N, C-alpha and C. Protein backbone atom coordinates (compact mmCIF):
# COMPACT_ATOMS: atom_id res chain seq x y z
N LEU A 1 -25.72 -6.30 3.67
CA LEU A 1 -26.50 -5.41 2.83
C LEU A 1 -27.13 -4.29 3.65
N ALA A 2 -27.53 -4.61 4.87
CA ALA A 2 -28.10 -3.58 5.73
C ALA A 2 -27.07 -2.49 6.04
N ALA A 3 -25.82 -2.89 6.23
CA ALA A 3 -24.76 -1.92 6.50
C ALA A 3 -24.52 -1.01 5.29
N LEU A 4 -24.57 -1.58 4.10
CA LEU A 4 -24.42 -0.77 2.89
C LEU A 4 -25.58 0.21 2.75
N ASP A 5 -26.79 -0.25 3.03
CA ASP A 5 -27.96 0.64 2.99
C ASP A 5 -27.80 1.77 4.00
N ALA A 6 -27.36 1.44 5.21
CA ALA A 6 -27.19 2.45 6.26
C ALA A 6 -26.11 3.46 5.87
N ALA A 7 -25.02 2.98 5.28
CA ALA A 7 -23.95 3.88 4.85
C ALA A 7 -24.44 4.83 3.77
N ARG A 8 -25.22 4.30 2.83
CA ARG A 8 -25.78 5.18 1.78
C ARG A 8 -26.74 6.19 2.39
N ASP A 9 -27.63 5.71 3.26
CA ASP A 9 -28.65 6.59 3.86
C ASP A 9 -28.02 7.68 4.73
N ALA A 10 -26.86 7.39 5.32
CA ALA A 10 -26.17 8.37 6.15
C ALA A 10 -25.28 9.30 5.33
N GLY A 11 -25.19 9.05 4.01
CA GLY A 11 -24.41 9.92 3.15
C GLY A 11 -22.94 9.54 3.04
N PHE A 12 -22.55 8.39 3.58
CA PHE A 12 -21.17 7.94 3.49
C PHE A 12 -20.87 7.22 2.18
N LEU A 13 -21.91 6.85 1.47
CA LEU A 13 -21.76 6.06 0.26
C LEU A 13 -22.71 6.61 -0.80
N ASP A 14 -22.18 6.94 -1.98
CA ASP A 14 -23.04 7.43 -3.04
C ASP A 14 -23.82 6.27 -3.66
N ASP A 15 -24.83 6.60 -4.45
CA ASP A 15 -25.71 5.57 -5.02
C ASP A 15 -24.95 4.58 -5.91
N LEU A 16 -24.01 5.07 -6.71
CA LEU A 16 -23.26 4.19 -7.61
C LEU A 16 -22.38 3.22 -6.82
N SER A 17 -21.70 3.71 -5.81
CA SER A 17 -20.88 2.83 -4.97
C SER A 17 -21.75 1.83 -4.24
N HIS A 18 -22.88 2.27 -3.75
CA HIS A 18 -23.82 1.37 -3.07
C HIS A 18 -24.25 0.24 -4.01
N GLN A 19 -24.61 0.61 -5.22
CA GLN A 19 -25.04 -0.39 -6.20
C GLN A 19 -23.90 -1.35 -6.53
N THR A 20 -22.72 -0.83 -6.76
CA THR A 20 -21.56 -1.65 -7.09
C THR A 20 -21.24 -2.63 -5.97
N LEU A 21 -21.19 -2.14 -4.73
CA LEU A 21 -20.86 -3.00 -3.60
C LEU A 21 -21.96 -4.02 -3.31
N THR A 22 -23.20 -3.63 -3.50
CA THR A 22 -24.32 -4.56 -3.30
C THR A 22 -24.27 -5.69 -4.32
N GLN A 23 -24.03 -5.36 -5.57
CA GLN A 23 -23.95 -6.39 -6.61
C GLN A 23 -22.75 -7.31 -6.39
N ALA A 24 -21.62 -6.74 -6.02
CA ALA A 24 -20.43 -7.55 -5.75
C ALA A 24 -20.67 -8.48 -4.57
N TYR A 25 -21.30 -7.97 -3.53
CA TYR A 25 -21.60 -8.79 -2.35
C TYR A 25 -22.49 -9.98 -2.74
N ARG A 26 -23.54 -9.70 -3.47
CA ARG A 26 -24.46 -10.77 -3.87
C ARG A 26 -23.76 -11.81 -4.75
N PHE A 27 -22.95 -11.36 -5.68
CA PHE A 27 -22.21 -12.28 -6.55
C PHE A 27 -21.26 -13.16 -5.74
N LEU A 28 -20.48 -12.54 -4.87
CA LEU A 28 -19.50 -13.29 -4.09
C LEU A 28 -20.16 -14.23 -3.09
N ARG A 29 -21.25 -13.82 -2.50
CA ARG A 29 -21.97 -14.71 -1.58
C ARG A 29 -22.53 -15.92 -2.32
N LYS A 30 -23.04 -15.71 -3.52
CA LYS A 30 -23.55 -16.82 -4.32
C LYS A 30 -22.44 -17.82 -4.62
N LEU A 31 -21.28 -17.30 -5.03
CA LEU A 31 -20.13 -18.17 -5.29
C LEU A 31 -19.74 -18.93 -4.02
N GLU A 32 -19.63 -18.21 -2.94
CA GLU A 32 -19.23 -18.85 -1.68
C GLU A 32 -20.23 -19.92 -1.26
N ASN A 33 -21.50 -19.63 -1.39
CA ASN A 33 -22.52 -20.61 -1.02
C ASN A 33 -22.41 -21.87 -1.87
N ARG A 34 -22.20 -21.72 -3.17
CA ARG A 34 -22.06 -22.90 -4.05
C ARG A 34 -20.81 -23.70 -3.71
N LEU A 35 -19.72 -23.00 -3.41
CA LEU A 35 -18.48 -23.68 -3.04
C LEU A 35 -18.64 -24.43 -1.71
N ARG A 36 -19.31 -23.82 -0.77
CA ARG A 36 -19.51 -24.47 0.53
C ARG A 36 -20.40 -25.70 0.41
N ILE A 37 -21.42 -25.62 -0.40
CA ILE A 37 -22.34 -26.75 -0.57
C ILE A 37 -21.61 -27.95 -1.16
N VAL A 38 -20.80 -27.71 -2.18
CA VAL A 38 -20.16 -28.80 -2.90
C VAL A 38 -18.82 -29.19 -2.30
N HIS A 39 -17.99 -28.21 -1.92
CA HIS A 39 -16.62 -28.50 -1.53
C HIS A 39 -16.28 -28.10 -0.10
N ASP A 40 -17.23 -27.47 0.59
CA ASP A 40 -16.98 -26.97 1.94
C ASP A 40 -15.76 -26.05 1.96
N ARG A 41 -15.70 -25.13 0.96
CA ARG A 41 -14.62 -24.16 0.86
C ARG A 41 -15.21 -22.76 0.76
N GLY A 42 -14.42 -21.78 1.20
CA GLY A 42 -14.83 -20.39 1.10
C GLY A 42 -14.45 -19.78 -0.23
N ILE A 43 -14.79 -18.53 -0.42
CA ILE A 43 -14.60 -17.83 -1.68
C ILE A 43 -13.12 -17.63 -2.00
N HIS A 44 -12.25 -17.59 -1.00
CA HIS A 44 -10.83 -17.36 -1.26
C HIS A 44 -10.16 -18.57 -1.91
N GLU A 45 -10.93 -19.63 -2.12
CA GLU A 45 -10.37 -20.84 -2.72
C GLU A 45 -11.15 -21.24 -3.97
N LEU A 46 -11.08 -20.44 -4.99
CA LEU A 46 -11.74 -20.81 -6.24
C LEU A 46 -11.11 -22.09 -6.77
N PRO A 47 -11.90 -22.92 -7.42
CA PRO A 47 -11.35 -24.17 -7.96
C PRO A 47 -10.19 -23.89 -8.92
N THR A 48 -9.25 -24.80 -8.95
CA THR A 48 -8.11 -24.63 -9.84
C THR A 48 -8.26 -25.47 -11.11
N SER A 49 -9.00 -26.57 -11.02
CA SER A 49 -9.16 -27.39 -12.21
C SER A 49 -10.25 -26.82 -13.11
N GLU A 50 -10.04 -26.95 -14.39
CA GLU A 50 -10.99 -26.43 -15.37
C GLU A 50 -12.35 -27.10 -15.21
N GLU A 51 -12.36 -28.39 -14.92
CA GLU A 51 -13.62 -29.12 -14.75
C GLU A 51 -14.41 -28.58 -13.56
N GLU A 52 -13.74 -28.33 -12.45
CA GLU A 52 -14.42 -27.81 -11.27
C GLU A 52 -14.96 -26.40 -11.49
N ILE A 53 -14.18 -25.55 -12.15
CA ILE A 53 -14.65 -24.19 -12.37
C ILE A 53 -15.79 -24.16 -13.39
N GLU A 54 -15.78 -25.08 -14.34
CA GLU A 54 -16.91 -25.20 -15.28
C GLU A 54 -18.18 -25.56 -14.53
N LYS A 55 -18.07 -26.50 -13.60
CA LYS A 55 -19.24 -26.89 -12.80
C LYS A 55 -19.74 -25.73 -11.95
N LEU A 56 -18.81 -25.02 -11.34
CA LEU A 56 -19.18 -23.86 -10.53
C LEU A 56 -19.85 -22.79 -11.39
N ALA A 57 -19.33 -22.60 -12.59
CA ALA A 57 -19.92 -21.63 -13.51
C ALA A 57 -21.38 -21.98 -13.79
N ARG A 58 -21.64 -23.23 -14.08
CA ARG A 58 -23.02 -23.65 -14.36
C ARG A 58 -23.91 -23.49 -13.12
N ARG A 59 -23.38 -23.81 -11.95
CA ARG A 59 -24.15 -23.69 -10.71
C ARG A 59 -24.50 -22.23 -10.39
N THR A 60 -23.73 -21.31 -10.92
CA THR A 60 -23.96 -19.90 -10.64
C THR A 60 -24.57 -19.15 -11.82
N GLY A 61 -24.98 -19.89 -12.84
CA GLY A 61 -25.69 -19.27 -13.96
C GLY A 61 -24.81 -18.67 -15.03
N HIS A 62 -23.53 -19.05 -15.08
CA HIS A 62 -22.63 -18.54 -16.12
C HIS A 62 -22.48 -19.57 -17.24
N ALA A 63 -22.18 -19.06 -18.42
CA ALA A 63 -22.07 -19.93 -19.60
C ALA A 63 -20.88 -20.87 -19.52
N GLY A 64 -19.84 -20.46 -18.82
CA GLY A 64 -18.66 -21.30 -18.72
C GLY A 64 -17.63 -20.67 -17.80
N ALA A 65 -16.47 -21.33 -17.71
CA ALA A 65 -15.42 -20.89 -16.82
C ALA A 65 -14.93 -19.48 -17.15
N GLY A 66 -14.79 -19.19 -18.43
CA GLY A 66 -14.32 -17.85 -18.83
C GLY A 66 -15.27 -16.76 -18.38
N SER A 67 -16.55 -17.00 -18.54
CA SER A 67 -17.56 -16.03 -18.12
C SER A 67 -17.51 -15.81 -16.61
N LEU A 68 -17.37 -16.89 -15.86
CA LEU A 68 -17.29 -16.79 -14.41
C LEU A 68 -16.03 -16.04 -13.99
N ARG A 69 -14.91 -16.37 -14.58
CA ARG A 69 -13.66 -15.68 -14.25
C ARG A 69 -13.74 -14.18 -14.54
N ARG A 70 -14.33 -13.82 -15.68
CA ARG A 70 -14.48 -12.40 -16.03
C ARG A 70 -15.38 -11.70 -15.03
N ALA A 71 -16.49 -12.33 -14.67
CA ALA A 71 -17.40 -11.74 -13.69
C ALA A 71 -16.71 -11.57 -12.34
N PHE A 72 -15.97 -12.59 -11.91
CA PHE A 72 -15.25 -12.52 -10.64
C PHE A 72 -14.27 -11.36 -10.66
N GLU A 73 -13.50 -11.25 -11.72
CA GLU A 73 -12.52 -10.18 -11.83
C GLU A 73 -13.19 -8.81 -11.85
N THR A 74 -14.27 -8.68 -12.59
CA THR A 74 -14.98 -7.40 -12.67
C THR A 74 -15.54 -7.00 -11.31
N PHE A 75 -16.27 -7.91 -10.66
CA PHE A 75 -16.87 -7.58 -9.37
C PHE A 75 -15.82 -7.26 -8.31
N THR A 76 -14.77 -8.05 -8.24
CA THR A 76 -13.76 -7.78 -7.21
C THR A 76 -12.98 -6.50 -7.50
N ASN A 77 -12.67 -6.24 -8.76
CA ASN A 77 -11.98 -4.98 -9.11
C ASN A 77 -12.86 -3.77 -8.84
N ASP A 78 -14.14 -3.86 -9.19
CA ASP A 78 -15.05 -2.74 -8.96
C ASP A 78 -15.24 -2.48 -7.46
N ALA A 79 -15.37 -3.54 -6.67
CA ALA A 79 -15.52 -3.38 -5.22
C ALA A 79 -14.26 -2.77 -4.62
N ARG A 80 -13.10 -3.24 -5.05
CA ARG A 80 -11.82 -2.69 -4.56
C ARG A 80 -11.72 -1.20 -4.90
N ALA A 81 -12.12 -0.83 -6.10
CA ALA A 81 -12.07 0.59 -6.50
C ALA A 81 -12.98 1.43 -5.61
N CYS A 82 -14.15 0.91 -5.27
CA CYS A 82 -15.07 1.63 -4.37
C CYS A 82 -14.42 1.83 -3.01
N TYR A 83 -13.85 0.77 -2.45
CA TYR A 83 -13.21 0.88 -1.14
C TYR A 83 -12.06 1.88 -1.17
N LEU A 84 -11.24 1.82 -2.21
CA LEU A 84 -10.12 2.76 -2.29
C LEU A 84 -10.62 4.19 -2.40
N ASN A 85 -11.67 4.39 -3.15
CA ASN A 85 -12.27 5.73 -3.27
C ASN A 85 -12.80 6.21 -1.93
N ILE A 86 -13.46 5.33 -1.21
CA ILE A 86 -13.99 5.69 0.12
C ILE A 86 -12.84 6.06 1.06
N LEU A 87 -11.78 5.26 1.04
CA LEU A 87 -10.64 5.54 1.91
C LEU A 87 -9.97 6.86 1.57
N GLN A 88 -9.93 7.24 0.30
CA GLN A 88 -9.34 8.53 -0.09
C GLN A 88 -10.18 9.68 0.42
N VAL A 89 -11.51 9.53 0.38
CA VAL A 89 -12.41 10.58 0.82
C VAL A 89 -12.28 10.76 2.34
N VAL A 90 -12.14 9.65 3.06
CA VAL A 90 -12.07 9.70 4.52
C VAL A 90 -10.75 10.24 5.02
N SER A 91 -9.65 9.94 4.32
CA SER A 91 -8.33 10.36 4.83
C SER A 91 -7.95 11.76 4.46
């Protein structure tokens, strides 16, 4: 988060991208922390069983597996779009 703040403060990152990347970081870290506590797995290994993803959804404050999957897709797609935009500006 400090690096994102520094990038924004230096003018490398606009406020919207900063907000998007900060929210995505916090969401993904929360998921990763819950997965590590229960399964000792990182974020790249989301549960495959419906029962496990339902439990993870509840642990992260989501109504259910569908809500968690939608949030995951939204945050990762938004973060990817920010990175691609940054790379286009730099190149």
